[in-house]
């Protein structure tokens, strides 16, 4: 019985101790314009800088600039430059808060969504773009998007954990029997 409890405790410790979150996803470390910046004139481009190189792929990496009235101001597809993703921006229009929504492909292959906001303090003379780049994903953060996280489902991990515990119990019971 002591072996059974030991094996069960070790299996539980392995499950709980080994269930750490993945830490390999890219993390936004800076942006131009910076989060919360107050600008008197709109930027010509938006630059998002990450802690690791971003995987190139124009069809996946998206950056959109959404104005205070919900109109789009990105002026073409985003391009990857090492650790940065750069998107051209039209001349901005109304004064107010602009949201830079992005979705990039992390160096480990997982999507990384997020947003940065800045405020235009003086109105510009620009006209908005027709809509999101090529009708693709809007680049909005995951809490605003209708799709899931895009990560691996959890059920294989649960099934694997149950299998490990069951095998541990079977081995403990079979090896723990006294020899006759």
C-alpha atoms as a PDB file:
ATOM      1  CA  UNK A   1       0.000   0.000   0.000  1.00  0.00           C
ATOM      2  CA  UNK A   2       2.925   2.298   0.730  1.00  0.00           C
ATOM      3  CA  UNK A   3       4.252   1.814  -2.827  1.00  0.00           C
ATOM      4  CA  UNK A   4       0.835   2.593  -4.267  1.00  0.00           C
ATOM      5  CA  UNK A   5       0.635   5.859  -2.336  1.00  0.00           C
ATOM      6  CA  UNK A   6       4.203   6.766  -3.324  1.00  0.00           C
ATOM      7  CA  UNK A   7       3.564   6.120  -7.018  1.00  0.00           C
ATOM      8  CA  UNK A   8       0.287   8.070  -6.856  1.00  0.00           C
ATOM      9  CA  UNK A   9       1.968  11.006  -5.120  1.00  0.00           C
ATOM     10  CA  UNK A  10       4.822  11.043  -7.650  1.00  0.00           C
ATOM     11  CA  UNK A  11       2.399  10.884 -10.576  1.00  0.00           C
ATOM     12  CA  UNK A  12       0.356  13.753  -9.144  1.00  0.00           C
ATOM     13  CA  UNK A  13       3.496  15.820  -8.529  1.00  0.00           C
ATOM     14  CA  UNK A  14       4.658  15.198 -12.109  1.00  0.00           C
ATOM     15  CA  UNK A  15       1.282  16.279 -13.480  1.00  0.00           C
ATOM     16  CA  UNK A  16       1.031  19.440 -11.404  1.00  0.00           C
ATOM     17  CA  UNK A  17       4.713  20.375 -11.614  1.00  0.00           C
ATOM     18  CA  UNK A  18       4.966  19.743 -15.348  1.00  0.00           C
ATOM     19  CA  UNK A  19       1.894  21.757 -16.296  1.00  0.00           C
ATOM     20  CA  UNK A  20       3.633  25.108 -16.775  1.00  0.00           C
ATOM     21  CA  UNK A  21       2.451  27.441 -19.540  1.00  0.00           C
ATOM     22  CA  UNK A  22       4.414  27.747 -22.769  1.00  0.00           C
ATOM     23  CA  UNK A  23       6.815  30.654 -22.480  1.00  0.00           C
ATOM     24  CA  UNK A  24       8.159  30.614 -26.033  1.00  0.00           C
ATOM     25  CA  UNK A  25       5.622  32.989 -27.592  1.00  0.00           C
ATOM     26  CA  UNK A  26       6.816  36.336 -28.849  1.00  0.00           C
ATOM     27  CA  UNK A  27       6.152  39.273 -26.540  1.00  0.00           C
ATOM     28  CA  UNK A  28       5.662  42.858 -27.681  1.00  0.00           C
ATOM     29  CA  UNK A  29       8.531  44.879 -26.174  1.00  0.00           C
ATOM     30  CA  UNK A  30       7.954  48.204 -27.906  1.00  0.00           C
ATOM     31  CA  UNK A  31       6.003  50.093 -30.513  1.00  0.00           C
ATOM     32  CA  UNK A  32       6.246  53.264 -32.547  1.00  0.00           C
ATOM     33  CA  UNK A  33       4.039  55.076 -31.785  1.00  0.00           C
ATOM     34  CA  UNK A  34       4.306  53.973 -28.168  1.00  0.00           C
ATOM     35  CA  UNK A  35       1.344  52.777 -26.119  1.00  0.00           C
ATOM     36  CA  UNK A  36      -0.675  55.805 -24.992  1.00  0.00           C
ATOM     37  CA  UNK A  37       1.343  58.307 -27.061  1.00  0.00           C
ATOM     38  CA  UNK A  38      -0.159  61.750 -27.762  1.00  0.00           C
ATOM     39  CA  UNK A  39       0.629  62.771 -31.362  1.00  0.00           C
ATOM     40  CA  UNK A  40      -0.079  66.064 -33.121  1.00  0.00           C
ATOM     41  CA  UNK A  41       0.462  64.415 -36.538  1.00  0.00           C
ATOM     42  CA  UNK A  42      -0.194  60.846 -37.596  1.00  0.00           C
ATOM     43  CA  UNK A  43       2.688  58.400 -38.155  1.00  0.00           C
ATOM     44  CA  UNK A  44       3.618  57.268 -41.687  1.00  0.00           C
ATOM     45  CA  UNK A  45       4.019  53.703 -40.397  1.00  0.00           C
ATOM     46  CA  UNK A  46       3.451  51.625 -37.290  1.00  0.00           C
ATOM     47  CA  UNK A  47       6.360  49.534 -35.981  1.00  0.00           C
ATOM     48  CA  UNK A  48       5.779  46.732 -33.480  1.00  0.00           C
ATOM     49  CA  UNK A  49       8.951  45.289 -31.930  1.00  0.00           C
ATOM     50  CA  UNK A  50       8.998  41.836 -30.329  1.00  0.00           C
ATOM     51  CA  UNK A  51      11.506  39.997 -28.129  1.00  0.00           C
ATOM     52  CA  UNK A  52      12.188  37.356 -30.814  1.00  0.00           C
ATOM     53  CA  UNK A  53      12.115  37.265 -34.603  1.00  0.00           C
ATOM     54  CA  UNK A  54       8.627  37.078 -36.093  1.00  0.00           C
ATOM     55  CA  UNK A  55       7.937  34.416 -38.704  1.00  0.00           C
ATOM     56  CA  UNK A  56       7.511  35.967 -42.107  1.00  0.00           C
ATOM     57  CA  UNK A  57       4.288  35.317 -43.967  1.00  0.00           C
ATOM     58  CA  UNK A  58       2.264  38.154 -45.420  1.00  0.00           C
ATOM     59  CA  UNK A  59      -0.875  36.060 -45.397  1.00  0.00           C
ATOM     60  CA  UNK A  60      -0.787  35.654 -41.618  1.00  0.00           C
ATOM     61  CA  UNK A  61       0.862  38.688 -40.021  1.00  0.00           C
ATOM     62  CA  UNK A  62      -1.717  41.468 -39.930  1.00  0.00           C
ATOM     63  CA  UNK A  63      -1.693  44.972 -38.533  1.00  0.00           C
ATOM     64  CA  UNK A  64      -4.669  47.311 -38.739  1.00  0.00           C
ATOM     65  CA  UNK A  65      -5.068  50.840 -37.498  1.00  0.00           C
ATOM     66  CA  UNK A  66      -8.646  51.605 -36.468  1.00  0.00           C
ATOM     67  CA  UNK A  67      -9.705  55.211 -35.901  1.00  0.00           C
ATOM     68  CA  UNK A  68     -12.015  56.676 -33.261  1.00  0.00           C
ATOM     69  CA  UNK A  69     -14.972  56.332 -35.644  1.00  0.00           C
ATOM     70  CA  UNK A  70     -14.194  52.675 -36.508  1.00  0.00           C
ATOM     71  CA  UNK A  71     -12.620  53.413 -39.894  1.00  0.00           C
ATOM     72  CA  UNK A  72      -9.421  51.710 -41.084  1.00  0.00           C
ATOM     73  CA  UNK A  73      -6.168  53.594 -41.699  1.00  0.00           C
ATOM     74  CA  UNK A  74      -3.586  50.893 -42.584  1.00  0.00           C
ATOM     75  CA  UNK A  75      -2.241  51.435 -46.100  1.00  0.00           C
ATOM     76  CA  UNK A  76      -1.141  47.981 -47.248  1.00  0.00           C
ATOM     77  CA  UNK A  77       0.116  44.685 -45.844  1.00  0.00           C
ATOM     78  CA  UNK A  78       2.465  44.441 -42.889  1.00  0.00           C
ATOM     79  CA  UNK A  79       6.067  43.404 -43.518  1.00  0.00           C
ATOM     80  CA  UNK A  80       8.432  41.550 -41.199  1.00  0.00           C
ATOM     81  CA  UNK A  81      11.859  43.030 -40.446  1.00  0.00           C
ATOM     82  CA  UNK A  82      13.547  40.614 -38.027  1.00  0.00           C
ATOM     83  CA  UNK A  83      12.027  41.255 -34.606  1.00  0.00           C
ATOM     84  CA  UNK A  84       9.717  43.966 -35.948  1.00  0.00           C
ATOM     85  CA  UNK A  85       6.501  44.076 -37.927  1.00  0.00           C
ATOM     86  CA  UNK A  86       5.971  47.301 -39.874  1.00  0.00           C
ATOM     87  CA  UNK A  87       2.715  48.483 -41.449  1.00  0.00           C
ATOM     88  CA  UNK A  88       2.282  51.592 -43.610  1.00  0.00           C
ATOM     89  CA  UNK A  89      -0.394  54.043 -42.449  1.00  0.00           C
ATOM     90  CA  UNK A  90      -2.466  56.522 -44.467  1.00  0.00           C
ATOM     91  CA  UNK A  91      -2.584  60.145 -43.441  1.00  0.00           C
ATOM     92  CA  UNK A  92      -4.911  60.062 -40.444  1.00  0.00           C
ATOM     93  CA  UNK A  93      -8.246  61.862 -40.227  1.00  0.00           C
ATOM     94  CA  UNK A  94     -10.270  62.668 -37.105  1.00  0.00           C
ATOM     95  CA  UNK A  95      -8.633  63.466 -33.781  1.00  0.00           C
ATOM     96  CA  UNK A  96      -9.098  60.841 -31.100  1.00  0.00           C
ATOM     97  CA  UNK A  97      -7.848  57.447 -29.973  1.00  0.00           C
ATOM     98  CA  UNK A  98      -6.518  55.063 -32.621  1.00  0.00           C
ATOM     99  CA  UNK A  99      -6.102  51.335 -31.972  1.00  0.00           C
ATOM    100  CA  UNK A 100      -3.350  49.313 -33.624  1.00  0.00           C
ATOM    101  CA  UNK A 101      -4.641  45.732 -33.606  1.00  0.00           C
ATOM    102  CA  UNK A 102      -2.149  43.045 -34.600  1.00  0.00           C
ATOM    103  CA  UNK A 103      -1.824  39.313 -35.052  1.00  0.00           C
ATOM    104  CA  UNK A 104       1.627  37.936 -35.798  1.00  0.00           C
ATOM    105  CA  UNK A 105       3.057  34.462 -36.165  1.00  0.00           C
ATOM    106  CA  UNK A 106       5.347  33.798 -33.199  1.00  0.00           C
ATOM    107  CA  UNK A 107       8.757  32.225 -33.716  1.00  0.00           C
ATOM    108  CA  UNK A 108       7.340  29.003 -32.208  1.00  0.00           C
ATOM    109  CA  UNK A 109       4.465  28.959 -34.727  1.00  0.00           C
ATOM    110  CA  UNK A 110       1.664  30.197 -32.474  1.00  0.00           C
ATOM    111  CA  UNK A 111      -0.430  33.304 -33.164  1.00  0.00           C
ATOM    112  CA  UNK A 112       0.219  36.332 -30.980  1.00  0.00           C
ATOM    113  CA  UNK A 113      -2.596  38.908 -30.973  1.00  0.00           C
ATOM    114  CA  UNK A 114      -2.647  42.235 -29.203  1.00  0.00           C
ATOM    115  CA  UNK A 115      -3.258  45.943 -29.461  1.00  0.00           C
ATOM    116  CA  UNK A 116      -1.588  49.295 -28.881  1.00  0.00           C
ATOM    117  CA  UNK A 117      -3.401  52.632 -28.678  1.00  0.00           C
ATOM    118  CA  UNK A 118      -2.300  56.186 -29.353  1.00  0.00           C
ATOM    119  CA  UNK A 119      -4.133  59.495 -29.520  1.00  0.00           C
ATOM    120  CA  UNK A 120      -4.123  61.953 -32.402  1.00  0.00           C
ATOM    121  CA  UNK A 121      -4.571  65.391 -30.798  1.00  0.00           C
ATOM    122  CA  UNK A 122      -5.138  67.409 -34.005  1.00  0.00           C
ATOM    123  CA  UNK A 123      -7.279  66.205 -36.927  1.00  0.00           C
ATOM    124  CA  UNK A 124      -5.589  65.303 -40.201  1.00  0.00           C
ATOM    125  CA  UNK A 125      -6.829  65.577 -43.769  1.00  0.00           C
ATOM    126  CA  UNK A 126      -6.615  61.860 -44.622  1.00  0.00           C
ATOM    127  CA  UNK A 127      -9.312  59.536 -45.899  1.00  0.00           C
ATOM    128  CA  UNK A 128      -9.800  56.044 -44.467  1.00  0.00           C
ATOM    129  CA  UNK A 129      -9.008  52.772 -46.204  1.00  0.00           C
ATOM    130  CA  UNK A 130     -11.869  50.597 -47.487  1.00  0.00           C
ATOM    131  CA  UNK A 131     -11.514  47.946 -44.769  1.00  0.00           C
ATOM    132  CA  UNK A 132      -9.221  45.284 -43.308  1.00  0.00           C
ATOM    133  CA  UNK A 133      -6.296  44.237 -45.477  1.00  0.00           C
ATOM    134  CA  UNK A 134      -7.589  42.092 -48.314  1.00  0.00           C
ATOM    135  CA  UNK A 135     -10.643  41.044 -46.307  1.00  0.00           C
ATOM    136  CA  UNK A 136      -8.451  39.053 -43.939  1.00  0.00           C
ATOM    137  CA  UNK A 137      -8.609  38.914 -40.181  1.00  0.00           C
ATOM    138  CA  UNK A 138      -8.929  42.375 -38.712  1.00  0.00           C
ATOM    139  CA  UNK A 139      -5.823  41.946 -36.571  1.00  0.00           C
ATOM    140  CA  UNK A 140      -7.886  42.715 -33.477  1.00  0.00           C
ATOM    141  CA  UNK A 141      -6.961  41.123 -30.160  1.00  0.00           C
ATOM    142  CA  UNK A 142      -8.219  37.635 -29.386  1.00  0.00           C
ATOM    143  CA  UNK A 143     -10.871  38.871 -26.943  1.00  0.00           C
ATOM    144  CA  UNK A 144     -12.463  40.810 -29.816  1.00  0.00           C
ATOM    145  CA  UNK A 145     -12.011  38.154 -32.487  1.00  0.00           C
ATOM    146  CA  UNK A 146     -14.526  35.385 -32.972  1.00  0.00           C
ATOM    147  CA  UNK A 147     -11.972  32.615 -33.451  1.00  0.00           C
ATOM    148  CA  UNK A 148     -10.348  30.580 -30.702  1.00  0.00           C
ATOM    149  CA  UNK A 149      -6.813  30.805 -29.387  1.00  0.00           C
ATOM    150  CA  UNK A 150      -5.404  28.717 -32.245  1.00  0.00           C
ATOM    151  CA  UNK A 151      -3.314  26.692 -29.775  1.00  0.00           C
ATOM    152  CA  UNK A 152      -3.258  22.959 -29.134  1.00  0.00           C
ATOM    153  CA  UNK A 153      -6.397  21.577 -27.447  1.00  0.00           C
ATOM    154  CA  UNK A 154      -6.033  20.438 -23.849  1.00  0.00           C
ATOM    155  CA  UNK A 155      -7.781  17.058 -24.140  1.00  0.00           C
ATOM    156  CA  UNK A 156      -4.667  15.146 -25.370  1.00  0.00           C
ATOM    157  CA  UNK A 157      -2.788  16.328 -22.277  1.00  0.00           C
ATOM    158  CA  UNK A 158      -5.595  15.203 -19.963  1.00  0.00           C
ATOM    159  CA  UNK A 159      -5.848  11.824 -21.693  1.00  0.00           C
ATOM    160  CA  UNK A 160      -2.068  11.392 -21.453  1.00  0.00           C
ATOM    161  CA  UNK A 161      -2.083  12.279 -17.750  1.00  0.00           C
ATOM    162  CA  UNK A 162      -4.844   9.771 -17.023  1.00  0.00           C
ATOM    163  CA  UNK A 163      -2.930   7.101 -18.947  1.00  0.00           C
ATOM    164  CA  UNK A 164       0.257   7.765 -16.966  1.00  0.00           C
ATOM    165  CA  UNK A 165      -1.589   7.549 -13.633  1.00  0.00           C
ATOM    166  CA  UNK A 166      -3.375   4.324 -14.608  1.00  0.00           C
ATOM    167  CA  UNK A 167      -0.131   2.709 -15.814  1.00  0.00           C
ATOM    168  CA  UNK A 168       1.602   3.778 -12.600  1.00  0.00           C
ATOM    169  CA  UNK A 169      -1.141   2.232 -10.486  1.00  0.00           C
ATOM    170  CA  UNK A 170      -1.112  -1.015 -12.479  1.00  0.00           C
ATOM    171  CA  UNK A 171       2.667  -1.312 -12.171  1.00  0.00           C
ATOM    172  CA  UNK A 172       2.570  -0.517  -8.460  1.00  0.00           C
ATOM    173  CA  UNK A 173      -0.082  -3.125  -7.812  1.00  0.00           C
ATOM    174  CA  UNK A 174       1.613  -5.799  -9.926  1.00  0.00           C
ATOM    175  CA  UNK A 175       5.128  -5.182  -8.599  1.00  0.00           C
ATOM    176  CA  UNK A 176       3.956  -4.685  -5.030  1.00  0.00           C
ATOM    177  CA  UNK A 177       2.454  -8.168  -4.661  1.00  0.00           C
ATOM    178  CA  UNK A 178       4.403 -10.525  -2.406  1.00  0.00           C
ATOM    179  CA  UNK A 179       6.040 -13.419  -4.257  1.00  0.00           C
ATOM    180  CA  UNK A 180       4.433 -16.773  -3.629  1.00  0.00           C
END
